[in-house]
Amino acid sequence: MKRLLAFGLVAIALLLPCGTAPRAQALDPLDAVVGVRALVPGDARTADSLGTERQGSGVVIDAENRLVLTIGYLIMEAGSVELLLAGGAIVGGEVAAYDYDTGFGLVRADRPLGVPEMPLGDSAEAEERAQVLVVAAPEGERSVGPAVVVSRRDFAGYWEYLLPDAIFTAPLHPGYGGAALVSRRGELLGIGSLAVGDATGTGRAGAGNLPGNMFVPIRALKPIYDDLLSYGRASTPPKPWLGVQTVEVGGLVMVRRVSSGGPAERAGLGKGDVVVSVGREPVLGQADFYRKVWQLGEAGVEVPLTVMRQEGRRQVNLRSVDRYDFLKLDGSF
């Protein structure tokens, strides 16, 4: 596996551009990648965890309607958004949509950006060993780096997030937030979300873990795109949200933090609690925990948990909520 990855990375380095790329021509689809800067009020629910000044990248996917696709955490609860272009130009924008389930966010520019849109590709092309480009422009000037898709698998995030068939690439690109994952034909395959310590998914410490990035596949956008434009979010029934952050350790799901004022805090869950079961169903890992909670019904459903703590097992009942109602979002949502 190491030999294969090394060969792939060398091959891409020879075939594809890297480093900071010059803006060669007006119709270059890579020019669709722009900077995104958001200012978030200090009393926002996510201010402590994500900060009040957030910066990353976005991709123009509809030039006529001035729509820029980015990763949602950059613009979640934003009071103002700016788009940064090459040469130092700054264009105002507004949050057009945010989808918690996929992690996508949409920004609408106040005026035309003067750059081409990037065509949407097929995420199925980002199969293992595929050669791709990672394109970022957090400061407005784009940088392009070669990468290899090293795995495709489900990704469970500590913030009650489960993404099916996520795209993992290597080597690590530092400007991953909202970055474009681009095919060699110049088509958008995914949007950058995270840096990960083990892109191959071996999960074994000391097993030659390969740092890399996780991308949200563009395929996840297509079923909800019309809803995002019409309602600012997907129209599917909201999943129950507990306001609990967890970490999986050896198959056990342990509470690392609870959201202030959220259902978990109100029910008395705390750091170090281990979630043993949902109802009578044992919890077999983080992804399994989420699926079992979501199978109970829509947001608002009661969620019965069994947790283990130092003094023994305890039954806890949480009244779930809709996370959109918990966040301090713009009135357009």
Protein backbone atom coordinates (compact mmCIF):
# COMPACT_ATOMS: atom_id res chain seq x y z
CA MET A 1 0.00 0.00 0.00
CA LYS A 2 2.84 2.43 0.86
CA ARG A 3 4.57 1.68 -2.44
CA LEU A 4 1.33 2.25 -4.35
CA LEU A 5 0.70 5.60 -2.63
CA ALA A 6 4.27 6.75 -3.17
CA PHE A 7 4.08 5.86 -6.86
CA GLY A 8 0.75 7.61 -7.25
CA LEU A 9 1.92 10.81 -5.60
CA VAL A 10 5.07 10.96 -7.71
CA ALA A 11 3.04 10.35 -10.86
CA ILE A 12 0.63 13.16 -10.06
CA ALA A 13 3.46 15.52 -9.21
CA LEU A 14 4.81 14.97 -12.71
CA LEU A 15 1.48 15.23 -14.49
CA LEU A 16 -0.41 17.91 -12.59
CA PRO A 17 0.35 21.49 -11.51
CA CYS A 18 1.29 22.17 -7.93
CA GLY A 19 2.12 25.11 -5.73
CA THR A 20 0.57 28.53 -6.26
CA ALA A 21 -0.77 28.57 -9.78
CA PRO A 22 -0.88 31.64 -12.02
CA ARG A 23 -4.28 32.76 -13.26
CA ALA A 24 -3.68 31.82 -16.87
CA GLN A 25 -6.98 32.38 -18.66
CA ALA A 26 -10.46 33.71 -17.98
CA LEU A 27 -12.18 30.40 -18.75
CA ASP A 28 -9.98 28.25 -16.55
CA PRO A 29 -12.49 26.34 -14.34
CA LEU A 30 -10.03 26.49 -11.44
CA ASP A 31 -10.64 30.25 -11.34
CA ALA A 32 -14.05 29.36 -9.89
CA VAL A 33 -12.39 28.80 -6.48
CA VAL A 34 -12.56 31.94 -4.31
CA GLY A 35 -11.91 32.88 -0.72
CA VAL A 36 -14.68 32.91 1.90
CA ARG A 37 -14.47 35.00 5.06
CA ALA A 38 -17.23 35.07 7.67
CA LEU A 39 -17.73 37.05 10.87
CA VAL A 40 -19.86 35.37 13.53
CA PRO A 41 -21.43 37.11 16.56
CA GLY A 42 -19.83 36.32 19.90
CA ASP A 43 -23.10 34.97 21.29
CA ALA A 44 -23.54 32.43 18.48
CA ARG A 45 -23.90 28.82 19.61
CA THR A 46 -20.79 27.82 17.63
CA ALA A 47 -18.64 30.83 18.53
CA ASP A 48 -16.66 28.99 21.22
CA SER A 49 -15.99 25.86 19.16
CA LEU A 50 -15.52 27.34 15.68
CA GLY A 51 -14.51 30.92 16.43
CA THR A 52 -15.99 34.26 15.44
CA GLU A 53 -13.68 34.85 12.45
CA ARG A 54 -13.64 32.00 9.94
CA GLN A 55 -11.85 31.82 6.63
CA GLY A 56 -11.62 29.21 3.90
CA SER A 57 -12.59 28.65 0.29
CA GLY A 58 -15.66 28.22 -1.87
CA VAL A 59 -16.49 27.29 -5.45
CA VAL A 60 -18.65 29.26 -7.87
CA ILE A 61 -21.14 26.69 -9.17
CA ASP A 62 -23.66 29.09 -10.74
CA ALA A 63 -22.13 32.28 -12.10
CA GLU A 64 -25.43 33.72 -13.35
CA ASN A 65 -27.06 33.45 -9.92
CA ARG A 66 -23.80 34.29 -8.08
CA LEU A 67 -23.83 31.09 -6.00
CA VAL A 68 -20.74 29.86 -4.19
CA LEU A 69 -20.64 26.38 -2.63
CA THR A 70 -18.56 25.98 0.53
CA ILE A 71 -18.37 23.91 3.68
CA GLY A 72 -21.13 24.91 6.05
CA TYR A 73 -19.17 25.40 9.25
CA LEU A 74 -17.42 28.43 7.72
CA ILE A 75 -20.69 30.34 7.41
CA MET A 76 -22.89 28.77 10.10
CA GLU A 77 -24.48 31.56 12.22
CA ALA A 78 -22.49 34.19 10.27
CA GLY A 79 -23.46 37.82 10.64
CA SER A 80 -21.57 38.83 7.49
CA VAL A 81 -19.81 37.03 4.64
CA GLU A 82 -17.19 38.27 2.17
CA LEU A 83 -15.82 36.63 -0.95
CA LEU A 84 -12.14 37.20 -1.68
CA LEU A 85 -10.94 37.33 -5.28
CA ALA A 86 -7.50 37.30 -6.88
CA GLY A 87 -5.83 40.69 -6.87
CA GLY A 88 -7.37 41.69 -3.56
CA ALA A 89 -10.95 42.40 -4.65
CA ILE A 90 -13.60 41.77 -1.99
CA VAL A 91 -17.28 41.15 -2.76
CA GLY A 92 -19.98 41.04 -0.13
CA GLY A 93 -22.32 38.10 0.16
CA GLU A 94 -25.07 36.54 2.22
CA VAL A 95 -25.72 33.05 3.51
CA ALA A 96 -28.16 31.46 1.07
CA ALA A 97 -28.35 27.97 2.59
CA TYR A 98 -26.90 25.65 5.19
CA ASP A 99 -27.46 21.90 5.32
CA TYR A 100 -26.44 20.14 8.52
CA ASP A 101 -26.77 16.58 7.21
CA THR A 102 -24.29 16.97 4.34
CA GLY A 103 -22.26 19.87 5.70
CA PHE A 104 -22.73 22.03 2.60
CA GLY A 105 -23.25 25.78 2.69
CA LEU A 106 -24.22 28.21 -0.07
CA VAL A 107 -23.29 31.89 -0.32
CA ARG A 108 -24.90 34.33 -2.75
CA ALA A 109 -22.59 37.13 -3.87
CA ASP A 110 -23.93 40.67 -3.88
CA ARG A 111 -22.75 41.17 -7.45
CA PRO A 112 -21.26 39.09 -10.28
CA LEU A 113 -17.80 37.81 -9.41
CA GLY A 114 -16.37 37.85 -12.92
CA VAL A 115 -15.08 34.28 -12.74
CA PRO A 116 -16.35 31.15 -14.48
CA GLU A 117 -18.43 28.53 -12.72
CA MET A 118 -17.02 25.05 -12.14
CA PRO A 119 -19.10 22.22 -13.63
CA LEU A 120 -20.30 19.55 -11.23
CA GLY A 121 -18.77 16.14 -11.80
CA ASP A 122 -19.66 12.64 -10.66
CA SER A 123 -18.25 11.73 -7.25
CA ALA A 124 -18.09 8.10 -8.37
CA GLU A 125 -15.01 9.09 -10.38
CA ALA A 126 -13.20 9.76 -7.11
CA GLU A 127 -12.56 6.08 -6.60
CA GLU A 128 -9.55 4.74 -4.74
CA ARG A 129 -6.25 5.48 -6.51
CA ALA A 130 -7.84 8.23 -8.63
CA GLN A 131 -5.59 11.24 -9.30
CA VAL A 132 -7.23 14.53 -8.35
CA LEU A 133 -6.48 18.17 -7.61
CA VAL A 134 -7.14 20.05 -4.39
CA VAL A 135 -7.74 23.74 -5.10
CA ALA A 136 -8.00 26.36 -2.35
CA ALA A 137 -8.03 30.16 -2.24
CA PRO A 138 -8.61 31.28 1.36
CA GLU A 139 -6.86 34.60 0.70
CA GLY A 140 -8.21 34.99 -2.83
CA GLU A 141 -5.13 33.71 -4.64
CA ARG A 142 -5.58 30.07 -5.49
CA SER A 143 -3.19 27.24 -4.72
CA VAL A 144 -3.35 23.90 -6.50
CA GLY A 145 -1.95 20.66 -5.14
CA PRO A 146 -2.04 17.09 -6.48
CA ALA A 147 -3.59 14.31 -4.44
CA VAL A 148 -4.66 10.68 -4.59
CA VAL A 149 -7.97 9.27 -3.36
CA VAL A 150 -6.88 6.73 -0.76
CA SER A 151 -10.26 5.56 0.59
CA ARG A 152 -14.03 5.90 0.35
CA ARG A 153 -15.98 5.14 3.52
CA ASP A 154 -18.54 6.45 5.97
CA PHE A 155 -17.35 9.24 8.24
CA ALA A 156 -18.78 9.77 11.74
CA GLY A 157 -18.04 13.15 13.33
CA TYR A 158 -18.18 13.90 17.04
CA TRP A 159 -20.83 16.60 16.44
CA GLU A 160 -23.70 14.14 15.64
CA TYR A 161 -22.71 13.96 11.98
CA LEU A 162 -22.59 10.93 9.71
CA LEU A 163 -21.54 11.25 6.07
CA PRO A 164 -21.94 8.19 3.84
CA ASP A 165 -19.21 7.41 1.31
CA ALA A 166 -16.91 10.30 2.19
CA ILE A 167 -13.84 10.90 0.01
CA PHE A 168 -10.41 10.70 1.69
CA THR A 169 -7.29 11.99 -0.04
CA ALA A 170 -3.55 12.28 0.61
CA PRO A 171 -1.24 14.08 1.05
CA LEU A 172 -2.66 16.55 3.55
CA HIS A 173 -3.64 19.93 2.10
CA PRO A 174 -3.56 22.61 4.83
CA GLY A 175 -6.20 24.84 3.20
CA TYR A 176 -8.92 22.18 3.26
CA GLY A 177 -11.90 24.18 4.56
CA GLY A 178 -14.23 24.66 1.56
CA ALA A 179 -11.50 23.62 -0.90
CA ALA A 180 -12.46 22.10 -4.24
CA LEU A 181 -11.70 18.48 -5.08
CA VAL A 182 -11.34 18.59 -8.85
CA SER A 183 -11.07 15.92 -11.51
CA ARG A 184 -8.45 16.15 -14.23
CA ARG A 185 -11.27 17.36 -16.53
CA GLY A 186 -11.83 20.37 -14.29
CA GLU A 187 -15.09 19.10 -12.72
CA LEU A 188 -16.01 19.47 -9.07
CA LEU A 189 -16.03 16.14 -7.19
CA GLY A 190 -16.22 17.30 -3.57
CA ILE A 191 -15.86 20.09 -1.01
CA GLY A 192 -13.14 20.02 1.63
CA SER A 193 -14.17 19.52 5.23
CA LEU A 194 -11.42 18.21 7.49
CA ALA A 195 -7.83 17.24 8.07
CA VAL A 196 -7.55 13.63 9.27
CA GLY A 197 -4.68 11.70 10.78
CA ASP A 198 -5.48 8.46 9.00
CA ALA A 199 -6.87 8.96 5.50
CA THR A 200 -6.61 5.26 4.68
CA GLY A 201 -8.84 4.29 7.59
CA THR A 202 -6.63 1.61 9.10
CA GLY A 203 -7.52 2.80 12.57
CA ARG A 204 -4.43 1.17 14.08
CA ALA A 205 -1.93 3.30 15.94
CA GLY A 206 1.56 2.98 14.55
CA ALA A 207 0.32 1.23 11.40
CA GLY A 208 1.80 3.80 9.05
CA ASN A 209 -1.24 6.10 9.24
CA LEU A 210 -1.33 8.56 6.36
CA PRO A 211 -2.46 12.16 7.09
CA GLY A 212 -4.88 13.59 4.57
CA ASN A 213 -8.23 15.29 4.03
CA MET A 214 -11.90 14.38 4.03
CA PHE A 215 -14.18 15.76 1.30
CA VAL A 216 -17.96 15.82 1.10
CA PRO A 217 -18.87 14.19 -2.24
CA ILE A 218 -20.67 16.48 -4.68
CA ARG A 219 -23.18 13.72 -5.31
CA ALA A 220 -24.71 14.59 -1.93
CA LEU A 221 -25.62 18.08 -3.22
CA LYS A 222 -27.75 17.11 -6.17
CA PRO A 223 -30.78 15.62 -4.31
CA ILE A 224 -31.13 18.67 -2.03
CA TYR A 225 -30.03 21.48 -4.35
CA ASP A 226 -33.51 22.72 -5.27
CA ASP A 227 -34.53 22.69 -1.60
CA LEU A 228 -31.46 24.71 -0.64
CA LEU A 229 -32.35 27.36 -3.21
CA SER A 230 -36.01 27.46 -2.21
CA TYR A 231 -35.89 27.04 1.57
CA GLY A 232 -32.27 27.51 2.63
CA ARG A 233 -32.15 23.91 3.89
CA ALA A 234 -33.26 20.44 2.86
CA SER A 235 -37.00 19.81 3.20
CA THR A 236 -36.55 16.32 4.64
CA PRO A 237 -37.80 15.82 8.23
CA PRO A 238 -35.17 17.04 10.72
CA LYS A 239 -33.27 14.36 12.62
CA PRO A 240 -33.37 14.34 16.42
CA TRP A 241 -30.43 16.26 17.86
CA LEU A 242 -29.13 15.71 21.39
CA GLY A 243 -26.42 18.33 21.78
CA VAL A 244 -23.75 15.81 22.72
CA GLN A 245 -20.22 15.47 21.37
CA THR A 246 -18.77 11.99 21.54
CA VAL A 247 -15.59 10.11 20.79
CA GLU A 248 -15.29 6.42 19.93
CA VAL A 249 -12.66 4.55 21.94
CA GLY A 250 -12.30 0.84 21.27
CA GLY A 251 -15.89 0.64 20.05
CA LEU A 252 -17.21 2.51 23.10
CA VAL A 253 -18.99 5.85 22.65
CA MET A 254 -17.84 8.31 25.31
CA VAL A 255 -19.21 11.80 25.95
CA ARG A 256 -16.52 14.46 25.58
CA ARG A 257 -18.72 17.54 25.82
CA VAL A 258 -22.36 18.65 25.91
CA SER A 259 -23.77 21.79 24.31
CA SER A 260 -24.79 24.48 26.78
CA GLY A 261 -28.58 24.55 27.04
CA GLY A 262 -28.99 21.49 24.82
CA PRO A 263 -31.00 18.32 25.53
CA ALA A 264 -27.99 16.33 26.80
CA GLU A 265 -27.03 18.98 29.35
CA ARG A 266 -30.63 19.33 30.54
CA ALA A 267 -30.84 15.55 31.01
CA GLY A 268 -27.67 15.47 33.11
CA LEU A 269 -25.23 13.86 30.68
CA GLY A 270 -21.64 14.84 31.24
CA LYS A 271 -18.05 14.35 30.16
CA GLY A 272 -16.86 10.78 30.61
CA ASP A 273 -20.29 9.13 30.41
CA VAL A 274 -20.28 6.07 28.13
CA VAL A 275 -23.40 5.50 26.03
CA VAL A 276 -24.26 1.82 26.38
CA SER A 277 -27.58 1.55 24.57
CA VAL A 278 -30.39 3.43 22.84
CA GLY A 279 -33.55 1.99 24.29
CA ARG A 280 -32.86 -1.73 24.46
CA GLU A 281 -30.48 -1.69 21.50
CA PRO A 282 -26.76 -1.84 22.36
CA VAL A 283 -24.54 0.84 20.86
CA LEU A 284 -21.81 -0.60 18.65
CA GLY A 285 -19.77 2.48 17.85
CA GLN A 286 -20.32 6.13 17.00
CA ALA A 287 -22.02 5.65 13.62
CA ASP A 288 -24.28 2.98 15.10
CA PHE A 289 -25.20 5.36 17.94
CA TYR A 290 -26.35 8.02 15.49
CA ARG A 291 -28.31 5.61 13.35
CA LYS A 292 -30.14 4.15 16.34
CA VAL A 293 -31.08 7.62 17.61
CA TRP A 294 -32.28 8.76 14.19
CA GLN A 295 -34.35 5.61 13.71
CA LEU A 296 -36.54 6.66 16.65
CA GLY A 297 -38.25 9.40 14.61
CA GLU A 298 -38.05 13.09 13.86
CA ALA A 299 -36.64 15.91 15.97
CA GLY A 300 -38.66 16.20 19.15
CA VAL A 301 -38.84 12.47 19.81
CA GLU A 302 -37.82 11.20 23.24
CA VAL A 303 -34.50 9.35 23.21
CA PRO A 304 -33.96 6.78 25.99
CA LEU A 305 -30.29 6.13 26.73
CA THR A 306 -28.43 3.87 29.09
CA VAL A 307 -25.11 5.36 30.17
CA MET A 308 -22.26 4.01 32.25
CA ARG A 309 -20.44 6.17 34.75
CA GLN A 310 -18.32 5.57 37.84
CA GLU A 311 -21.30 4.88 40.09
CA GLY A 312 -22.79 2.40 37.62
CA ARG A 313 -25.45 2.36 34.92
CA ARG A 314 -28.09 5.02 34.65
CA GLN A 315 -31.18 5.44 32.48
CA VAL A 316 -31.46 8.88 30.90
CA ASN A 317 -34.34 10.19 28.80
CA LEU A 318 -33.63 13.11 26.46
CA ARG A 319 -36.19 15.19 24.60
CA SER A 320 -34.47 15.78 21.28
CA VAL A 321 -34.71 19.03 19.31
CA ASP A 322 -34.24 20.31 15.77
CA ARG A 323 -30.67 21.59 15.57
CA TYR A 324 -31.73 24.40 13.23
CA ASP A 325 -33.93 25.77 16.03
CA PHE A 326 -31.03 25.55 18.49
CA LEU A 327 -28.61 27.53 16.32
CA LYS A 328 -28.84 31.30 15.96
CA LEU A 329 -29.35 31.39 12.24
CA ASP A 330 -30.34 34.22 9.94
CA GLY A 331 -34.07 34.79 9.54
CA SER A 332 -33.96 33.42 5.99
CA PHE A 333 -33.63 29.87 7.39
